[in-house]
Amino acid sequence: MQTMFMFRQAQPKQMPQTLSYQAVFLGLLLVTLFGLLGCQQTQIEFTAAAEPSLPVFNSLQGAPIVTPLTSTSATALSNEALSIESLEKSPFNSELKRYSLNNTLSGLNHISLVAYSQQPLQNLDVLLQAFIEKTTWLAQQSNLACSESLRIRASMHSLTMSIDCPDSPELASSLLLQFWQANSFNEIDIANVRRQLKLAKHINAYSGAEIDDVWAKKILGEQHIYNQALNDTSLAAELDLTKLNQVRDKIISQSKWALLTNQSLAKNNEFSAKLAQDLAALTAKSQQVAPQPLSTFKLKVPASNSQKTLFIIDAPGSVQTQVRIGYPLAVDEPNQQQTADDIQDCKLLASWLGRSFSGRLYHDLREVRGLTYGIYGRCFDNPLSRTLKFYGSTKLEHSGAFISGVLDHLALATESSASIDEVNALKTYLTSQKILRQANYRAIEADTIKQLIRGSSTEQQQAQNRRLDALTPEQLQGIAQSVFLNTPYIVIRGDRAKIESDLKQKLPEWTLVAVSADD
């Protein structure tokens, strides 16, 4: 009995089970309440605005003096680079433009077949997705080992299909032509094409890429032909073999054709004749559509956003703010030379402020103030539109400071001229770009296609080189004034509830208007 009693005394007193559950519940409730109170008390500390900071281009002590790069020295350097040669018209297909790339470096037979037009290719996004599906099917079915090297590149005005093979150029070219033939889509999974077209829209919304769709509508106008030529949701939903064939045939009827090959393959007369004949037979069944005059596609959007409307895509929960700031530029110049000058001006402004590292925006907003991982400028030049866009992303707390920082730099560019060293750095950057493109056959190919669409000449390019060499700080400021004195268009994507107060405080003259990709 004594042992039993002592044992019972050693046991701890147990808490009633109901009371134990109540204590646990109460503890969890308190933790949750404190957490919620903590969240409610947490406020974003927004970054203050600051005066623009400019990059300095002083020479390093003891470093060798580097002569500014000009187009004259670039021409000498480019003579050793790759070049392209226009070939005589084929007697079997007088409409086919033929070009020879003098050196593709790889030693493989390179073949690029290009469909191009001065008009936008209608529903090109649908055809492109079908071609991607066809490429997957061919990779599984074709006996040609190099079929996996097949590449597709598309723009609003062209569709380029390329392949690189060690041998069998006839088989390779016939593979490219298969995509355009009447029975080209008989074997592919059209249901998957429909799914991918629908999925693309959801992916864009999730990834934030929808901002560029909204930007295109605001900077060009919703009724602009570029915005009407793509994203036909009813076609994507109802796509079948008949409709897909109609899309392909429509693009064939719009298109002119070009063939680009490596030099040794261009000398193969049998190959060239066979491909020209096959392409002529394919296009003969299609009735060509007469292109509309480019004057019918005038830009409808005013050059200046005089109402100072800031369009915002509300994205609750997003941890960053995506920003697009820019200008619509005129494309109805009276002559080709004026067109070339205006294109160059657009590229000058994009590179002056928006190039990496030494561009004004990148230097200030990233390197000095740390508001972003990157801020860039680009001139989007197309036959029927030209836009200048500065774009980047920033944290929520930097939203107002980031946008006002870009606007401050646009204003500063009109108020004072750049130093001669800054202008020389800009010239060197643009000239170096040209040299690098001349050393890459794919870049040469892309530039040739642009020239075909534009109808530009080598003489015009040489004139642009001379114009760049002669650029002065005063001329650059004049170019900036012709664009930046207009009020830019702004589209952003971010959590409106969190950043609206900051935007209103730093941009009091601007009106926020909600938009979405579905508007």
Protein backbone atom coordinates (compact mmCIF):
# COMPACT_ATOMS: atom_id res chain seq x y z
CA MET A 1 0.00 0.00 0.00
CA GLN A 2 2.85 2.36 0.84
CA THR A 3 4.40 1.84 -2.57
CA MET A 4 1.11 2.40 -4.32
CA PHE A 5 0.52 5.64 -2.44
CA MET A 6 3.98 7.04 -3.16
CA PHE A 7 3.57 6.28 -6.85
CA ARG A 8 0.32 8.20 -7.01
CA GLN A 9 1.88 11.21 -5.31
CA ALA A 10 4.59 11.33 -7.99
CA GLN A 11 2.09 11.71 -10.87
CA PRO A 12 1.37 15.30 -11.99
CA LYS A 13 -2.17 16.54 -11.67
CA GLN A 14 -3.93 16.35 -15.05
CA MET A 15 -5.83 19.29 -16.54
CA PRO A 16 -9.38 18.55 -17.66
CA GLN A 17 -9.42 17.81 -21.40
CA THR A 18 -12.01 20.51 -22.22
CA LEU A 19 -9.94 23.19 -20.49
CA SER A 20 -6.80 22.10 -22.40
CA TYR A 21 -8.52 22.58 -25.78
CA GLN A 22 -9.79 25.99 -24.67
CA ALA A 23 -6.30 27.12 -23.72
CA VAL A 24 -4.85 26.04 -27.08
CA PHE A 25 -7.66 27.76 -28.97
CA LEU A 26 -7.20 30.96 -26.97
CA GLY A 27 -3.47 30.95 -27.67
CA LEU A 28 -3.96 30.54 -31.41
CA LEU A 29 -6.56 33.29 -31.41
CA LEU A 30 -4.20 35.71 -29.67
CA VAL A 31 -1.37 34.93 -32.11
CA THR A 32 -3.70 35.51 -35.07
CA LEU A 33 -5.01 38.79 -33.65
CA PHE A 34 -1.51 40.11 -33.00
CA GLY A 35 -0.53 39.10 -36.54
CA LEU A 36 -3.48 40.93 -38.05
CA LEU A 37 -2.79 44.00 -35.97
CA GLY A 38 0.81 43.88 -37.12
CA CYS A 39 -0.26 43.74 -40.78
CA GLN A 40 -2.62 46.66 -40.31
CA GLN A 41 0.09 48.76 -38.74
CA THR A 42 2.65 48.01 -41.49
CA GLN A 43 2.70 50.83 -44.03
CA ILE A 44 4.84 51.23 -47.12
CA GLU A 45 7.52 53.88 -46.74
CA PHE A 46 7.60 55.43 -50.20
CA THR A 47 10.88 56.61 -51.68
CA ALA A 48 11.34 60.35 -52.00
CA ALA A 49 11.77 61.98 -55.40
CA ALA A 50 15.22 63.34 -56.26
CA GLU A 51 16.92 65.58 -58.79
CA PRO A 52 18.27 63.83 -61.93
CA SER A 53 21.86 62.63 -61.81
CA LEU A 54 23.83 62.48 -65.06
CA PRO A 55 26.66 60.08 -66.02
CA VAL A 56 30.17 61.50 -66.21
CA PHE A 57 32.44 60.65 -69.14
CA ASN A 58 35.81 61.79 -67.81
CA SER A 59 38.94 60.06 -69.08
CA LEU A 60 40.62 57.74 -66.60
CA GLN A 61 44.01 58.95 -65.39
CA GLY A 62 46.78 57.04 -67.13
CA ALA A 63 44.41 55.29 -69.54
CA PRO A 64 45.15 55.46 -73.28
CA ILE A 65 43.19 58.00 -75.30
CA VAL A 66 40.49 56.26 -77.33
CA THR A 67 39.48 57.96 -80.56
CA PRO A 68 35.68 58.21 -80.89
CA LEU A 69 34.38 55.54 -83.25
CA THR A 70 32.87 56.87 -86.48
CA SER A 71 31.14 55.27 -89.43
CA THR A 72 34.32 55.80 -91.50
CA SER A 73 36.37 53.60 -89.17
CA ALA A 74 33.41 51.25 -88.84
CA THR A 75 33.28 50.80 -92.61
CA ALA A 76 36.92 49.76 -92.62
CA LEU A 77 36.25 47.26 -89.85
CA SER A 78 33.10 45.93 -91.47
CA ASN A 79 34.89 45.14 -94.72
CA GLU A 80 36.22 42.06 -92.96
CA ALA A 81 32.82 41.19 -91.55
CA LEU A 82 30.01 39.27 -93.15
CA SER A 83 28.20 40.75 -96.12
CA ILE A 84 25.24 39.92 -98.31
CA GLU A 85 24.89 39.93 -102.08
CA SER A 86 21.73 40.39 -104.10
CA LEU A 87 21.49 37.77 -106.85
CA GLU A 88 19.92 37.94 -110.30
CA LYS A 89 16.25 37.08 -110.62
CA SER A 90 15.50 33.45 -111.31
CA PRO A 91 14.12 32.75 -114.82
CA PHE A 92 11.71 30.32 -113.16
CA ASN A 93 10.30 32.86 -110.69
CA SER A 94 10.91 36.53 -111.46
CA GLU A 95 9.14 37.64 -108.27
CA LEU A 96 11.51 35.77 -105.95
CA LYS A 97 14.22 37.96 -104.39
CA ARG A 98 17.43 36.00 -103.89
CA TYR A 99 20.37 36.80 -101.63
CA SER A 100 23.69 35.16 -100.85
CA LEU A 101 25.23 35.38 -97.39
CA ASN A 102 28.98 35.38 -97.98
CA ASN A 103 29.88 33.55 -94.80
CA THR A 104 27.57 31.87 -92.29
CA LEU A 105 30.58 30.63 -90.25
CA SER A 106 29.06 27.25 -89.43
CA GLY A 107 29.82 25.55 -92.76
CA LEU A 108 26.25 24.24 -92.92
CA ASN A 109 23.84 24.88 -95.75
CA HIS A 110 21.69 27.77 -94.56
CA ILE A 111 18.27 28.32 -96.13
CA SER A 112 15.80 31.05 -95.16
CA LEU A 113 12.45 31.39 -96.92
CA VAL A 114 10.73 34.70 -96.21
CA ALA A 115 7.13 35.76 -96.79
CA TYR A 116 6.91 39.55 -96.45
CA SER A 117 4.47 42.36 -97.14
CA GLN A 118 4.18 46.12 -96.69
CA GLN A 119 0.77 45.43 -95.16
CA PRO A 120 0.43 43.64 -91.80
CA LEU A 121 0.02 39.89 -92.21
CA GLN A 122 -3.54 39.15 -91.06
CA ASN A 123 -3.92 36.73 -88.12
CA LEU A 124 -0.23 35.97 -88.16
CA ASP A 125 -0.39 34.89 -84.50
CA VAL A 126 -2.79 32.08 -85.46
CA LEU A 127 -0.61 30.90 -88.35
CA LEU A 128 2.51 31.10 -86.20
CA GLN A 129 0.99 28.85 -83.53
CA ALA A 130 -0.05 26.37 -86.24
CA PHE A 131 3.49 26.41 -87.65
CA ILE A 132 4.89 25.69 -84.18
CA GLU A 133 2.54 22.72 -83.91
CA LYS A 134 3.63 21.60 -87.39
CA THR A 135 7.29 21.88 -86.36
CA THR A 136 6.68 19.55 -83.41
CA TRP A 137 4.96 17.04 -85.68
CA LEU A 138 7.77 17.18 -88.26
CA ALA A 139 10.46 16.65 -85.64
CA GLN A 140 8.79 13.32 -84.83
CA GLN A 141 8.09 12.28 -88.43
CA SER A 142 10.89 13.63 -90.62
CA ASN A 143 13.89 11.51 -91.58
CA LEU A 144 15.96 14.67 -92.06
CA ALA A 145 18.37 14.81 -89.12
CA CYS A 146 18.61 18.60 -89.22
CA SER A 147 14.85 19.15 -88.99
CA GLU A 148 15.29 20.16 -85.34
CA SER A 149 17.31 23.19 -86.48
CA LEU A 150 14.20 24.69 -88.06
CA ARG A 151 13.57 28.23 -86.77
CA ILE A 152 10.56 30.50 -87.20
CA ARG A 153 10.79 34.29 -86.79
CA ALA A 154 7.80 36.56 -87.21
CA SER A 155 7.10 40.28 -87.30
CA MET A 156 3.97 42.18 -88.23
CA HIS A 157 5.16 42.24 -91.84
CA SER A 158 7.13 39.04 -92.32
CA LEU A 159 7.41 35.36 -91.51
CA THR A 160 10.83 33.77 -91.88
CA MET A 161 11.52 30.04 -91.79
CA SER A 162 15.16 28.95 -91.59
CA ILE A 163 16.98 25.64 -91.50
CA ASP A 164 20.68 24.72 -91.30
CA CYS A 165 21.74 21.34 -92.68
CA PRO A 166 25.10 19.69 -93.46
CA ASP A 167 23.72 18.15 -96.67
CA SER A 168 20.49 17.40 -98.56
CA PRO A 169 19.56 21.03 -99.32
CA GLU A 170 16.75 19.88 -101.64
CA LEU A 171 15.09 17.96 -98.80
CA ALA A 172 15.60 20.89 -96.45
CA SER A 173 13.97 23.39 -98.82
CA SER A 174 11.05 21.04 -99.50
CA LEU A 175 10.56 20.84 -95.73
CA LEU A 176 10.17 24.63 -95.58
CA LEU A 177 7.72 24.64 -98.48
CA GLN A 178 5.60 21.97 -96.76
CA PHE A 179 4.38 24.58 -94.30
CA TRP A 180 2.76 26.60 -97.09
CA GLN A 181 1.20 23.77 -99.09
CA ALA A 182 -2.55 23.13 -99.30
CA ASN A 183 -2.42 20.02 -97.09
CA SER A 184 0.11 21.40 -94.61
CA PHE A 185 -2.19 21.22 -91.57
CA ASN A 186 -3.96 17.92 -92.21
CA GLU A 187 -1.91 16.02 -89.62
CA ILE A 188 -1.53 18.57 -86.82
CA ASP A 189 -3.59 18.76 -83.63
CA ILE A 190 -5.73 21.85 -84.30
CA ALA A 191 -7.43 21.48 -80.92
CA ASN A 192 -4.04 22.06 -79.33
CA VAL A 193 -3.52 25.15 -81.49
CA ARG A 194 -6.80 26.51 -80.11
CA ARG A 195 -5.74 25.71 -76.55
CA GLN A 196 -2.37 27.41 -76.96
CA LEU A 197 -3.95 30.56 -78.39
CA LYS A 198 -6.36 30.76 -75.44
CA LEU A 199 -3.63 29.89 -72.95
CA ALA A 200 -1.38 32.69 -74.24
CA LYS A 201 -3.86 35.30 -73.05
CA HIS A 202 -3.99 33.82 -69.53
CA ILE A 203 -0.19 33.52 -69.40
CA ASN A 204 0.14 37.18 -70.39
CA ALA A 205 -2.21 38.22 -67.59
CA TYR A 206 -0.36 36.08 -65.03
CA SER A 207 3.16 37.10 -66.14
CA GLY A 208 2.34 40.79 -66.56
CA ALA A 209 2.91 40.76 -70.32
CA GLU A 210 -0.63 42.07 -70.75
CA ILE A 211 0.76 45.56 -70.16
CA ASP A 212 2.22 45.55 -73.66
CA ASP A 213 -1.17 44.75 -75.18
CA VAL A 214 -2.69 47.70 -73.33
CA TRP A 215 0.28 49.88 -74.28
CA ALA A 216 -0.23 49.09 -77.98
CA LYS A 217 -3.87 50.16 -77.74
CA LYS A 218 -3.06 53.43 -76.00
CA ILE A 219 -0.02 54.44 -78.03
CA LEU A 220 -1.44 53.46 -81.46
CA GLY A 221 -5.19 53.60 -80.93
CA GLU A 222 -7.46 50.58 -80.62
CA GLN A 223 -8.51 50.81 -84.27
CA HIS A 224 -4.97 50.92 -85.62
CA ILE A 225 -4.39 48.20 -88.20
CA TYR A 226 -1.69 46.55 -86.05
CA ASN A 227 -4.17 46.11 -83.20
CA GLN A 228 -6.79 44.75 -85.60
CA ALA A 229 -4.47 42.24 -87.32
CA LEU A 230 -3.88 40.07 -84.22
CA ASN A 231 -5.72 38.57 -81.23
CA ASP A 232 -8.95 37.60 -82.97
CA THR A 233 -10.56 35.81 -80.01
CA SER A 234 -13.54 34.49 -81.98
CA LEU A 235 -11.24 32.97 -84.59
CA ALA A 236 -9.10 31.38 -81.87
CA ALA A 237 -12.18 29.88 -80.20
CA GLU A 238 -13.70 28.48 -83.40
CA LEU A 239 -10.53 27.53 -85.27
CA ASP A 240 -10.80 24.41 -87.42
CA LEU A 241 -8.95 23.06 -90.46
CA THR A 242 -10.99 25.11 -92.93
CA LYS A 243 -10.46 28.39 -91.08
CA LEU A 244 -6.76 27.66 -90.56
CA ASN A 245 -6.28 27.00 -94.28
CA GLN A 246 -8.03 30.29 -95.01
CA VAL A 247 -5.61 32.14 -92.73
CA ARG A 248 -2.63 30.57 -94.51
CA ASP A 249 -4.02 31.27 -97.99
CA LYS A 250 -4.77 34.89 -97.05
CA ILE A 251 -1.18 35.45 -95.96
CA ILE A 252 0.13 33.81 -99.14
CA SER A 253 -2.02 36.19 -101.18
CA GLN A 254 -0.56 39.16 -99.28
CA SER A 255 3.06 38.10 -99.53
CA LYS A 256 6.11 38.60 -101.65
CA TRP A 257 8.96 36.13 -101.26
CA ALA A 258 12.69 36.13 -100.64
CA LEU A 259 15.28 33.37 -100.39
CA LEU A 260 18.53 33.79 -98.44
CA THR A 261 21.21 31.09 -98.55
CA ASN A 262 24.90 30.68 -97.86
CA GLN A 263 27.27 31.49 -100.71
CA SER A 264 28.12 27.95 -101.81
CA LEU A 265 24.45 26.96 -101.93
CA ALA A 266 23.61 30.09 -103.93
CA LYS A 267 25.98 28.84 -106.64
CA ASN A 268 24.07 25.55 -106.90
CA ASN A 269 21.96 26.37 -109.96
CA GLU A 270 20.01 23.11 -109.84
CA PHE A 271 18.94 23.72 -106.26
CA SER A 272 17.99 27.36 -106.92
CA ALA A 273 15.97 26.49 -110.03
CA LYS A 274 14.05 23.69 -108.30
CA LEU A 275 13.12 25.82 -105.30
CA ALA A 276 12.09 28.77 -107.50
CA GLN A 277 9.85 26.51 -109.58
CA ASP A 278 8.24 24.88 -106.55
CA LEU A 279 7.54 28.25 -104.95
CA ALA A 280 6.10 29.63 -108.19
CA ALA A 281 3.76 26.64 -108.43
CA LEU A 282 2.65 27.14 -104.82
CA THR A 283 1.91 30.86 -105.17
CA ALA A 284 0.32 30.55 -108.63
CA LYS A 285 -2.79 29.06 -107.02
CA SER A 286 -3.21 32.16 -104.86
CA GLN A 287 -4.74 35.39 -106.11
CA GLN A 288 -2.55 38.30 -105.07
CA VAL A 289 -4.23 41.05 -103.05
CA ALA A 290 -3.45 44.59 -104.19
CA PRO A 291 -1.88 46.45 -101.25
CA GLN A 292 -3.66 49.51 -99.92
CA PRO A 293 -1.76 52.83 -100.02
CA LEU A 294 0.16 53.36 -96.80
CA SER A 295 -1.44 56.81 -96.55
CA THR A 296 -4.71 55.12 -95.55
CA PHE A 297 -3.15 54.03 -92.23
CA LYS A 298 -2.41 57.40 -90.64
CA LEU A 299 -1.75 57.52 -86.91
CA LYS A 300 -4.90 58.51 -85.01
CA VAL A 301 -3.39 59.11 -81.56
CA PRO A 302 -2.39 62.73 -80.72
CA ALA A 303 1.35 63.30 -80.39
CA SER A 304 0.87 64.70 -76.88
CA ASN A 305 -1.04 63.21 -73.94
CA SER A 306 -2.38 66.67 -73.15
CA GLN A 307 -4.89 65.40 -70.57
CA LYS A 308 -2.04 63.85 -68.57
CA THR A 309 -3.84 60.54 -68.19
CA LEU A 310 -1.90 57.79 -66.42
CA PHE A 311 -3.40 54.41 -67.30
CA ILE A 312 -3.13 51.77 -64.57
CA ILE A 313 -3.77 48.03 -64.79
CA ASP A 314 -4.74 47.01 -61.28
CA ALA A 315 -2.87 43.87 -60.18
CA PRO A 316 -3.71 43.23 -56.50
CA GLY A 317 -0.93 41.41 -54.69
CA SER A 318 1.81 42.21 -57.20
CA VAL A 319 5.16 43.01 -55.61
CA GLN A 320 6.38 45.33 -58.35
CA THR A 321 5.11 48.08 -60.62
CA GLN A 322 5.68 47.71 -64.36
CA VAL A 323 6.06 50.99 -66.23
CA ARG A 324 5.78 52.03 -69.88
CA ILE A 325 6.40 55.67 -70.85
CA GLY A 326 6.65 56.95 -74.40
CA TYR A 327 5.48 58.77 -77.49
CA PRO A 328 3.71 58.03 -80.77
CA LEU A 329 5.74 59.45 -83.67
CA ALA A 330 4.55 60.46 -87.13
CA VAL A 331 5.08 58.06 -90.04
CA ASP A 332 3.66 60.11 -92.94
CA GLU A 333 6.93 61.76 -94.00
CA PRO A 334 6.98 63.23 -97.53
CA ASN A 335 9.99 61.23 -98.76
CA GLN A 336 12.27 58.29 -98.01
CA GLN A 337 15.15 60.49 -96.83
CA GLN A 338 12.97 62.27 -94.26
CA THR A 339 11.70 58.86 -93.14
CA ALA A 340 15.27 57.64 -92.64
CA ASP A 341 16.19 60.78 -90.66
CA ASP A 342 13.17 60.43 -88.37
CA ILE A 343 13.91 56.74 -87.75
CA GLN A 344 17.46 57.66 -86.79
CA ASP A 345 16.22 60.43 -84.46
CA CYS A 346 13.96 57.93 -82.71
CA LYS A 347 16.88 55.54 -82.19
CA LEU A 348 19.13 58.36 -80.99
CA LEU A 349 16.71 59.34 -78.24
CA ALA A 350 16.09 55.72 -77.21
CA SER A 351 19.83 55.05 -76.90
CA TRP A 352 20.78 58.39 -75.35
CA LEU A 353 18.46 57.96 -72.39
CA GLY A 354 17.68 54.24 -72.45
CA ARG A 355 20.81 52.23 -73.21
CA SER A 356 22.33 50.06 -70.49
CA PHE A 357 25.03 51.28 -68.10
CA SER A 358 25.84 54.66 -69.68
CA GLY A 359 22.30 55.67 -70.64
CA ARG A 360 20.97 58.51 -68.51
CA LEU A 361 17.99 56.60 -67.09
CA TYR A 362 19.94 53.42 -66.31
CA HIS A 363 22.77 55.38 -64.71
CA ASP A 364 20.51 57.46 -62.46
CA LEU A 365 17.56 55.22 -61.61
CA ARG A 366 19.58 52.04 -61.17
CA GLU A 367 23.26 52.77 -60.57
CA VAL A 368 22.81 55.89 -58.42
CA ARG A 369 19.39 55.58 -56.79
CA GLY A 370 18.76 51.81 -56.92
CA LEU A 371 15.11 52.12 -57.94
CA THR A 372 15.16 49.32 -60.52
CA TYR A 373 17.08 46.38 -61.94
CA GLY A 374 16.81 47.93 -65.38
CA ILE A 375 15.27 50.80 -67.35
CA TYR A 376 15.59 50.73 -71.11
CA GLY A 377 14.62 52.69 -74.20
CA ARG A 378 13.68 51.37 -77.61
CA CYS A 379 12.46 52.75 -80.91
CA PHE A 380 9.77 50.51 -82.37
CA ASP A 381 9.88 51.32 -86.07
CA ASN A 382 7.38 49.75 -88.45
CA PRO A 383 6.07 50.86 -91.84
CA LEU A 384 2.73 51.92 -90.34
CA SER A 385 3.78 53.13 -86.89
CA ARG A 386 6.75 54.44 -85.00
CA THR A 387 6.86 54.68 -81.23
CA LEU A 388 9.49 55.57 -78.67
CA LYS A 389 9.17 53.61 -75.43
CA PHE A 390 11.02 53.63 -72.12
CA TYR A 391 10.23 50.63 -69.96
CA GLY A 392 11.20 48.95 -66.72
CA SER A 393 9.92 47.66 -63.37
CA THR A 394 10.32 48.89 -59.82
CA LYS A 395 9.35 47.94 -56.27
CA LEU A 396 6.03 49.21 -54.91
CA GLU A 397 7.72 51.71 -52.61
CA HIS A 398 9.67 53.23 -55.52
CA SER A 399 6.69 53.60 -57.89
CA GLY A 400 6.19 57.36 -57.71
CA ALA A 401 9.91 58.16 -57.51
CA PHE A 402 10.65 55.92 -60.49
CA ILE A 403 8.00 57.43 -62.78
CA SER A 404 8.75 61.01 -61.76
CA GLY A 405 12.45 60.26 -62.27
CA VAL A 406 11.86 59.26 -65.89
CA LEU A 407 9.72 62.36 -66.49
CA ASP A 408 12.41 64.59 -64.98
CA HIS A 409 15.01 63.20 -67.38
CA LEU A 410 12.73 63.73 -70.38
CA ALA A 411 12.32 67.37 -69.36
CA LEU A 412 16.04 67.82 -68.67
CA ALA A 413 16.94 66.58 -72.15
CA THR A 414 14.98 69.50 -73.64
CA GLU A 415 16.42 72.13 -71.27
CA SER A 416 20.17 71.62 -71.63
CA SER A 417 22.49 70.02 -74.15
CA ALA A 418 24.67 66.99 -73.53
CA SER A 419 28.43 67.29 -73.25
CA ILE A 420 30.56 66.50 -76.29
CA ASP A 421 31.92 63.45 -74.45
CA GLU A 422 28.38 62.15 -73.86
CA VAL A 423 27.51 62.65 -77.54
CA ASN A 424 30.71 60.85 -78.59
CA ALA A 425 29.79 57.95 -76.28
CA LEU A 426 26.37 57.79 -77.94
CA LYS A 427 27.94 57.77 -81.42
CA THR A 428 30.35 55.01 -80.41
CA TYR A 429 27.50 52.93 -78.98
CA LEU A 430 25.37 53.15 -82.13
CA THR A 431 28.31 52.60 -84.48
CA SER A 432 29.47 49.60 -82.45
CA GLN A 433 25.97 48.13 -82.73
CA LYS A 434 26.23 48.31 -86.52
CA ILE A 435 29.62 46.59 -86.51
CA LEU A 436 28.32 43.78 -84.31
CA ARG A 437 25.28 43.29 -86.55
CA GLN A 438 27.54 43.10 -89.59
CA ALA A 439 29.41 40.27 -87.89
CA ASN A 440 26.30 38.11 -87.42
CA TYR A 441 24.64 36.59 -90.46
CA ARG A 442 21.28 36.28 -88.73
CA ALA A 443 21.34 40.01 -87.94
CA ILE A 444 22.28 40.74 -91.56
CA GLU A 445 19.39 38.57 -92.65
CA ALA A 446 16.95 40.41 -90.36
CA ASP A 447 18.17 43.81 -91.58
CA THR A 448 17.80 42.70 -95.21
CA ILE A 449 14.19 41.69 -94.59
CA LYS A 450 13.50 45.11 -93.03
CA GLN A 451 14.97 46.78 -96.11
CA LEU A 452 12.76 44.66 -98.38
CA ILE A 453 9.67 45.74 -96.47
CA ARG A 454 10.75 49.38 -96.28
CA GLY A 455 12.26 49.66 -99.74
CA SER A 456 15.30 51.44 -98.31
CA SER A 457 18.65 51.55 -100.10
CA THR A 458 22.34 51.27 -99.24
CA GLU A 459 22.78 54.94 -100.17
CA GLN A 460 20.28 55.95 -97.50
CA GLN A 461 22.14 53.92 -94.90
CA GLN A 462 25.40 55.62 -95.85
CA ALA A 463 23.70 59.01 -95.54
CA GLN A 464 22.57 58.06 -92.03
CA ASN A 465 26.13 57.10 -91.11
CA ARG A 466 27.40 60.52 -92.20
CA ARG A 467 24.58 62.25 -90.34
CA LEU A 468 25.49 60.37 -87.14
CA ASP A 469 29.17 61.31 -87.49
CA ALA A 470 28.23 65.00 -87.77
CA LEU A 471 25.84 65.00 -84.78
CA THR A 472 26.43 67.86 -82.31
CA PRO A 473 25.13 68.36 -78.76
CA GLU A 474 22.90 71.20 -80.00
CA GLN A 475 21.38 69.01 -82.71
CA LEU A 476 20.69 66.24 -80.19
CA GLN A 477 18.93 68.71 -77.91
CA GLY A 478 16.84 69.92 -80.86
CA ILE A 479 15.80 66.34 -81.61
CA ALA A 480 14.86 65.87 -77.94
CA GLN A 481 12.77 69.05 -77.97
CA SER A 482 10.85 67.90 -81.06
CA VAL A 483 9.62 64.85 -79.10
CA PHE A 484 9.97 65.40 -75.35
CA LEU A 485 8.17 68.77 -75.26
CA ASN A 486 5.03 66.70 -75.83
CA THR A 487 3.46 65.05 -72.79
CA PRO A 488 4.23 61.31 -72.84
CA TYR A 489 1.76 58.46 -72.58
CA ILE A 490 2.10 56.32 -69.44
CA VAL A 491 0.78 52.82 -68.77
CA ILE A 492 1.62 51.01 -65.53
CA ARG A 493 0.67 47.71 -63.93
CA GLY A 494 0.67 47.32 -60.15
CA ASP A 495 -1.31 47.07 -56.93
CA ARG A 496 -3.39 50.25 -57.13
CA ALA A 497 -4.56 50.17 -53.52
CA LYS A 498 -0.97 50.24 -52.29
CA ILE A 499 0.63 52.75 -54.69
CA GLU A 500 -2.17 55.18 -55.56
CA SER A 501 -1.41 57.60 -52.71
CA ASP A 502 2.27 57.75 -53.71
CA LEU A 503 1.40 58.39 -57.37
CA LYS A 504 -1.03 61.18 -56.47
CA GLN A 505 1.52 62.78 -54.16
CA LYS A 506 4.40 62.74 -56.67
CA LEU A 507 2.34 63.24 -59.85
CA PRO A 508 -0.43 65.62 -58.71
CA GLU A 509 -1.19 66.87 -62.24
CA TRP A 510 -1.86 63.38 -63.58
CA THR A 511 -5.22 61.58 -63.56
CA LEU A 512 -5.26 57.83 -62.88
CA VAL A 513 -7.58 55.84 -65.14
CA ALA A 514 -8.13 52.09 -64.69
CA VAL A 515 -7.71 49.91 -67.80
CA SER A 516 -7.41 46.21 -68.59
CA ALA A 517 -6.36 44.07 -71.53
CA ASP A 518 -10.03 43.18 -72.09
CA ASP A 519 -11.17 46.79 -72.52
